[in-house]
Amino acid sequence: MPSRVDQAYCREESVMRFATILLVLTSLAGCAQYDAMRTQNLAAASQERVASDDAACRSSGAPGSPAYDDCRRRYANLHASESHSQERLAEQMLNDKPFPGRGE
């Protein structure tokens, strides 16, 4: 028959396992919720950008016209350039490379 010390140790071990599992599950749920919210925010920002670009380009011409298509192409190139610049900056930060122009 197990002694009181053994029983207390088993009970403490069970509580620690439960607490660890609870902590891990709570963390995973928080990550999943953050990822879902981030995805929604990115989709909303993308829709807003498309609507903004469309409104700006309608003054150049009707959708489908060469002037409108050229305007949308310019905006697409601008956004791609901005995205590339952000990716380069993130890469520099992650790799601890000195920023250009700092003489490091």
N, C-alpha and C. Protein backbone atom coordinates (compact mmCIF):
# COMPACT_ATOMS: atom_id res chain seq x y z
N MET A 1 0.84 -1.17 0.00
CA MET A 1 0.00 0.00 0.00
C MET A 1 0.90 1.25 0.00
N PRO A 2 0.61 2.22 -0.88
CA PRO A 2 1.45 3.42 -0.96
C PRO A 2 1.33 4.26 0.31
N SER A 3 2.43 4.86 0.67
CA SER A 3 2.45 5.71 1.86
C SER A 3 1.82 7.06 1.52
N ARG A 4 1.58 7.85 2.57
CA ARG A 4 1.00 9.18 2.39
C ARG A 4 1.92 10.07 1.55
N VAL A 5 3.21 9.93 1.71
CA VAL A 5 4.18 10.73 0.95
C VAL A 5 4.07 10.38 -0.53
N ASP A 6 3.97 9.09 -0.83
CA ASP A 6 3.84 8.66 -2.22
C ASP A 6 2.53 9.17 -2.82
N GLN A 7 1.47 9.11 -2.06
CA GLN A 7 0.18 9.59 -2.54
C GLN A 7 0.22 11.10 -2.79
N ALA A 8 0.84 11.84 -1.88
CA ALA A 8 0.95 13.28 -2.04
C ALA A 8 1.79 13.62 -3.26
N TYR A 9 2.87 12.87 -3.45
CA TYR A 9 3.74 13.10 -4.61
C TYR A 9 2.98 12.84 -5.91
N CYS A 10 2.21 11.74 -5.97
CA CYS A 10 1.43 11.41 -7.17
C CYS A 10 0.38 12.48 -7.44
N ARG A 11 -0.26 12.96 -6.38
CA ARG A 11 -1.28 13.99 -6.53
C ARG A 11 -0.64 15.28 -7.04
N GLU A 12 0.51 15.64 -6.48
CA GLU A 12 1.22 16.86 -6.90
C GLU A 12 1.66 16.73 -8.36
N GLU A 13 2.14 15.54 -8.72
CA GLU A 13 2.58 15.31 -10.10
C GLU A 13 1.39 15.43 -11.06
N SER A 14 0.24 14.92 -10.69
CA SER A 14 -0.96 15.01 -11.52
C SER A 14 -1.40 16.46 -11.69
N VAL A 15 -1.34 17.21 -10.61
CA VAL A 15 -1.72 18.63 -10.68
C VAL A 15 -0.76 19.38 -11.60
N MET A 16 0.51 19.09 -11.51
CA MET A 16 1.51 19.77 -12.36
C MET A 16 1.28 19.40 -13.83
N ARG A 17 0.99 18.15 -14.12
CA ARG A 17 0.71 17.74 -15.50
C ARG A 17 -0.51 18.47 -16.02
N PHE A 18 -1.57 18.50 -15.21
CA PHE A 18 -2.79 19.19 -15.61
C PHE A 18 -2.52 20.67 -15.87
N ALA A 19 -1.77 21.31 -14.98
CA ALA A 19 -1.45 22.73 -15.14
C ALA A 19 -0.63 22.97 -16.41
N THR A 20 0.31 22.08 -16.68
CA THR A 20 1.13 22.21 -17.88
C THR A 20 0.28 22.06 -19.13
N ILE A 21 -0.58 21.06 -19.15
CA ILE A 21 -1.46 20.85 -20.31
C ILE A 21 -2.39 22.04 -20.50
N LEU A 22 -2.93 22.53 -19.41
CA LEU A 22 -3.82 23.69 -19.48
C LEU A 22 -3.08 24.91 -20.03
N LEU A 23 -1.87 25.13 -19.59
CA LEU A 23 -1.06 26.26 -20.06
C LEU A 23 -0.79 26.13 -21.56
N VAL A 24 -0.42 24.95 -22.00
CA VAL A 24 -0.12 24.73 -23.42
C VAL A 24 -1.37 24.95 -24.27
N LEU A 25 -2.49 24.39 -23.85
CA LEU A 25 -3.73 24.54 -24.61
C LEU A 25 -4.19 25.99 -24.67
N THR A 26 -4.05 26.70 -23.57
CA THR A 26 -4.42 28.11 -23.54
C THR A 26 -3.53 28.91 -24.48
N SER A 27 -2.25 28.61 -24.49
CA SER A 27 -1.32 29.30 -25.39
C SER A 27 -1.67 29.02 -26.84
N LEU A 28 -1.96 27.78 -27.16
CA LEU A 28 -2.32 27.43 -28.54
C LEU A 28 -3.61 28.12 -28.97
N ALA A 29 -4.57 28.19 -28.09
CA ALA A 29 -5.82 28.87 -28.42
C ALA A 29 -5.57 30.36 -28.66
N GLY A 30 -4.72 30.96 -27.85
CA GLY A 30 -4.38 32.37 -28.04
C GLY A 30 -3.69 32.60 -29.37
N CYS A 31 -2.79 31.71 -29.74
CA CYS A 31 -2.09 31.83 -31.03
C CYS A 31 -3.07 31.70 -32.19
N ALA A 32 -3.97 30.75 -32.09
CA ALA A 32 -4.94 30.55 -33.16
C ALA A 32 -5.85 31.77 -33.30
N GLN A 33 -6.26 32.34 -32.18
CA GLN A 33 -7.12 33.52 -32.22
C GLN A 33 -6.36 34.69 -32.83
N TYR A 34 -5.10 34.87 -32.45
CA TYR A 34 -4.28 35.95 -33.01
C TYR A 34 -4.13 35.78 -34.52
N ASP A 35 -3.87 34.55 -34.96
CA ASP A 35 -3.67 34.30 -36.39
C ASP A 35 -4.95 34.59 -37.17
N ALA A 36 -6.09 34.20 -36.64
CA ALA A 36 -7.37 34.47 -37.31
C ALA A 36 -7.62 35.97 -37.40
N MET A 37 -7.35 36.70 -36.33
CA MET A 37 -7.57 38.14 -36.32
C MET A 37 -6.61 38.83 -37.30
N ARG A 38 -5.37 38.37 -37.34
CA ARG A 38 -4.38 38.93 -38.25
C ARG A 38 -4.81 38.72 -39.69
N THR A 39 -5.30 37.52 -40.00
CA THR A 39 -5.76 37.22 -41.35
C THR A 39 -6.93 38.12 -41.74
N GLN A 40 -7.86 38.33 -40.82
CA GLN A 40 -9.00 39.23 -41.09
C GLN A 40 -8.52 40.65 -41.33
N ASN A 41 -7.58 41.12 -40.53
CA ASN A 41 -7.07 42.48 -40.69
C ASN A 41 -6.35 42.66 -42.01
N LEU A 42 -5.56 41.67 -42.41
CA LEU A 42 -4.86 41.74 -43.68
C LEU A 42 -5.84 41.75 -44.86
N ALA A 43 -6.88 40.94 -44.77
CA ALA A 43 -7.89 40.90 -45.83
C ALA A 43 -8.63 42.24 -45.92
N ALA A 44 -8.97 42.82 -44.78
CA ALA A 44 -9.66 44.11 -44.77
C ALA A 44 -8.77 45.21 -45.35
N ALA A 45 -7.50 45.20 -44.98
CA ALA A 45 -6.57 46.20 -45.50
C ALA A 45 -6.40 46.06 -47.01
N SER A 46 -6.37 44.83 -47.49
CA SER A 46 -6.25 44.58 -48.92
C SER A 46 -7.48 45.10 -49.67
N GLN A 47 -8.65 44.83 -49.13
CA GLN A 47 -9.88 45.32 -49.75
C GLN A 47 -9.93 46.84 -49.77
N GLU A 48 -9.49 47.47 -48.68
CA GLU A 48 -9.47 48.93 -48.62
C GLU A 48 -8.50 49.51 -49.65
N ARG A 49 -7.35 48.85 -49.82
CA ARG A 49 -6.36 49.31 -50.79
C ARG A 49 -6.91 49.21 -52.21
N VAL A 50 -7.57 48.10 -52.52
CA VAL A 50 -8.16 47.91 -53.85
C VAL A 50 -9.20 48.99 -54.11
N ALA A 51 -10.06 49.24 -53.13
CA ALA A 51 -11.10 50.26 -53.29
C ALA A 51 -10.48 51.65 -53.45
N SER A 52 -9.45 51.93 -52.67
CA SER A 52 -8.78 53.23 -52.76
C SER A 52 -8.10 53.41 -54.11
N ASP A 53 -7.41 52.38 -54.58
CA ASP A 53 -6.76 52.44 -55.89
C ASP A 53 -7.79 52.62 -56.99
N ASP A 54 -8.89 51.90 -56.89
CA ASP A 54 -9.94 52.00 -57.90
C ASP A 54 -10.50 53.42 -57.94
N ALA A 55 -10.77 53.99 -56.77
CA ALA A 55 -11.32 55.35 -56.73
C ALA A 55 -10.32 56.36 -57.31
N ALA A 56 -9.04 56.18 -57.00
CA ALA A 56 -8.03 57.11 -57.53
C ALA A 56 -7.89 56.98 -59.04
N CYS A 57 -8.02 55.78 -59.57
CA CYS A 57 -7.82 55.55 -60.99
C CYS A 57 -9.05 55.86 -61.84
N ARG A 58 -10.22 55.92 -61.23
CA ARG A 58 -11.42 56.25 -62.00
C ARG A 58 -11.36 57.67 -62.57
N SER A 59 -10.59 58.54 -61.92
CA SER A 59 -10.45 59.90 -62.48
C SER A 59 -9.63 59.89 -63.76
N SER A 60 -8.84 58.82 -63.98
CA SER A 60 -8.04 58.69 -65.21
C SER A 60 -8.87 58.16 -66.37
N GLY A 61 -9.92 57.45 -66.06
CA GLY A 61 -10.77 56.87 -67.10
C GLY A 61 -11.65 55.79 -66.54
N ALA A 62 -12.52 55.28 -67.38
CA ALA A 62 -13.45 54.23 -66.96
C ALA A 62 -12.68 52.91 -66.80
N PRO A 63 -13.14 52.05 -65.89
CA PRO A 63 -12.49 50.74 -65.76
C PRO A 63 -12.45 50.02 -67.11
N GLY A 64 -11.29 49.48 -67.43
CA GLY A 64 -11.11 48.80 -68.70
C GLY A 64 -10.46 49.67 -69.76
N SER A 65 -10.45 50.98 -69.53
CA SER A 65 -9.81 51.88 -70.51
C SER A 65 -8.30 51.80 -70.33
N PRO A 66 -7.53 52.13 -71.37
CA PRO A 66 -6.07 52.09 -71.25
C PRO A 66 -5.53 52.99 -70.13
N ALA A 67 -6.10 54.18 -69.96
CA ALA A 67 -5.63 55.10 -68.91
C ALA A 67 -5.89 54.50 -67.52
N TYR A 68 -7.07 53.91 -67.33
CA TYR A 68 -7.41 53.29 -66.05
C TYR A 68 -6.48 52.10 -65.78
N ASP A 69 -6.30 51.24 -66.78
CA ASP A 69 -5.42 50.08 -66.62
C ASP A 69 -3.99 50.49 -66.31
N ASP A 70 -3.51 51.55 -66.97
CA ASP A 70 -2.15 52.05 -66.70
C ASP A 70 -2.04 52.56 -65.27
N CYS A 71 -3.06 53.27 -64.82
CA CYS A 71 -3.07 53.79 -63.44
C CYS A 71 -3.05 52.64 -62.44
N ARG A 72 -3.86 51.60 -62.66
CA ARG A 72 -3.89 50.46 -61.75
C ARG A 72 -2.55 49.73 -61.75
N ARG A 73 -1.92 49.65 -62.92
CA ARG A 73 -0.61 49.01 -63.02
C ARG A 73 0.43 49.78 -62.20
N ARG A 74 0.37 51.13 -62.29
CA ARG A 74 1.30 51.95 -61.50
C ARG A 74 1.10 51.72 -60.01
N TYR A 75 -0.16 51.67 -59.57
CA TYR A 75 -0.43 51.41 -58.15
C TYR A 75 0.05 50.03 -57.74
N ALA A 76 -0.17 49.03 -58.59
CA ALA A 76 0.28 47.67 -58.28
C ALA A 76 1.80 47.63 -58.15
N ASN A 77 2.50 48.31 -59.05
CA ASN A 77 3.97 48.37 -58.97
C ASN A 77 4.42 49.09 -57.71
N LEU A 78 3.73 50.16 -57.35
CA LEU A 78 4.06 50.90 -56.13
C LEU A 78 3.91 50.01 -54.90
N HIS A 79 2.79 49.30 -54.83
CA HIS A 79 2.55 48.42 -53.67
C HIS A 79 3.58 47.30 -53.62
N ALA A 80 3.94 46.75 -54.77
CA ALA A 80 4.94 45.68 -54.81
C ALA A 80 6.29 46.21 -54.34
N SER A 81 6.63 47.42 -54.74
CA SER A 81 7.89 48.03 -54.33
C SER A 81 7.91 48.27 -52.81
N GLU A 82 6.80 48.77 -52.28
CA GLU A 82 6.70 48.99 -50.84
C GLU A 82 6.84 47.67 -50.09
N SER A 83 6.18 46.64 -50.58
CA SER A 83 6.23 45.33 -49.94
C SER A 83 7.66 44.78 -49.96
N HIS A 84 8.34 44.95 -51.10
CA HIS A 84 9.72 44.46 -51.21
C HIS A 84 10.63 45.21 -50.24
N SER A 85 10.43 46.52 -50.10
CA SER A 85 11.24 47.31 -49.17
C SER A 85 11.03 46.85 -47.73
N GLN A 86 9.77 46.56 -47.39
CA GLN A 86 9.47 46.09 -46.03
C GLN A 86 10.10 44.72 -45.78
N GLU A 87 10.07 43.87 -46.78
CA GLU A 87 10.67 42.55 -46.63
C GLU A 87 12.19 42.66 -46.44
N ARG A 88 12.82 43.56 -47.20
CA ARG A 88 14.26 43.75 -47.05
C ARG A 88 14.60 44.26 -45.66
N LEU A 89 13.82 45.22 -45.17
CA LEU A 89 14.06 45.77 -43.84
C LEU A 89 13.90 44.68 -42.77
N ALA A 90 12.85 43.88 -42.90
CA ALA A 90 12.64 42.79 -41.94
C ALA A 90 13.80 41.80 -41.99
N GLU A 91 14.27 41.49 -43.18
CA GLU A 91 15.40 40.57 -43.33
C GLU A 91 16.65 41.14 -42.66
N GLN A 92 16.89 42.44 -42.84
CA GLN A 92 18.05 43.07 -42.20
C GLN A 92 17.92 43.00 -40.69
N MET A 93 16.73 43.27 -40.18
CA MET A 93 16.53 43.27 -38.74
C MET A 93 16.72 41.86 -38.17
N LEU A 94 16.20 40.85 -38.87
CA LEU A 94 16.31 39.48 -38.39
C LEU A 94 17.74 38.97 -38.42
N ASN A 95 18.52 39.44 -39.37
CA ASN A 95 19.89 38.96 -39.51
C ASN A 95 20.90 39.87 -38.83
N ASP A 96 20.42 40.88 -38.12
CA ASP A 96 21.29 41.82 -37.40
C ASP A 96 22.31 42.49 -38.31
N LYS A 97 21.90 42.74 -39.53
CA LYS A 97 22.80 43.46 -40.44
C LYS A 97 22.67 44.95 -40.14
N PRO A 98 23.76 45.69 -40.26
CA PRO A 98 23.65 47.13 -40.03
C PRO A 98 22.83 47.76 -41.14
N PHE A 99 22.14 48.84 -40.79
CA PHE A 99 21.35 49.55 -41.78
C PHE A 99 22.25 50.32 -42.72
N PRO A 100 21.88 50.41 -43.99
CA PRO A 100 22.71 51.14 -44.95
C PRO A 100 22.87 52.61 -44.52
N GLY A 101 24.05 53.14 -44.76
CA GLY A 101 24.30 54.56 -44.46
C GLY A 101 24.70 54.84 -43.03
N ARG A 102 24.87 53.82 -42.21
CA ARG A 102 25.24 54.07 -40.81
C ARG A 102 26.73 53.88 -40.59
N GLY A 103 27.43 53.41 -41.60
CA GLY A 103 28.87 53.24 -41.49
C GLY A 103 29.31 52.11 -40.58
N GLU A 104 28.46 51.15 -40.37
CA GLU A 104 28.80 50.02 -39.49
C GLU A 104 29.22 48.84 -40.31
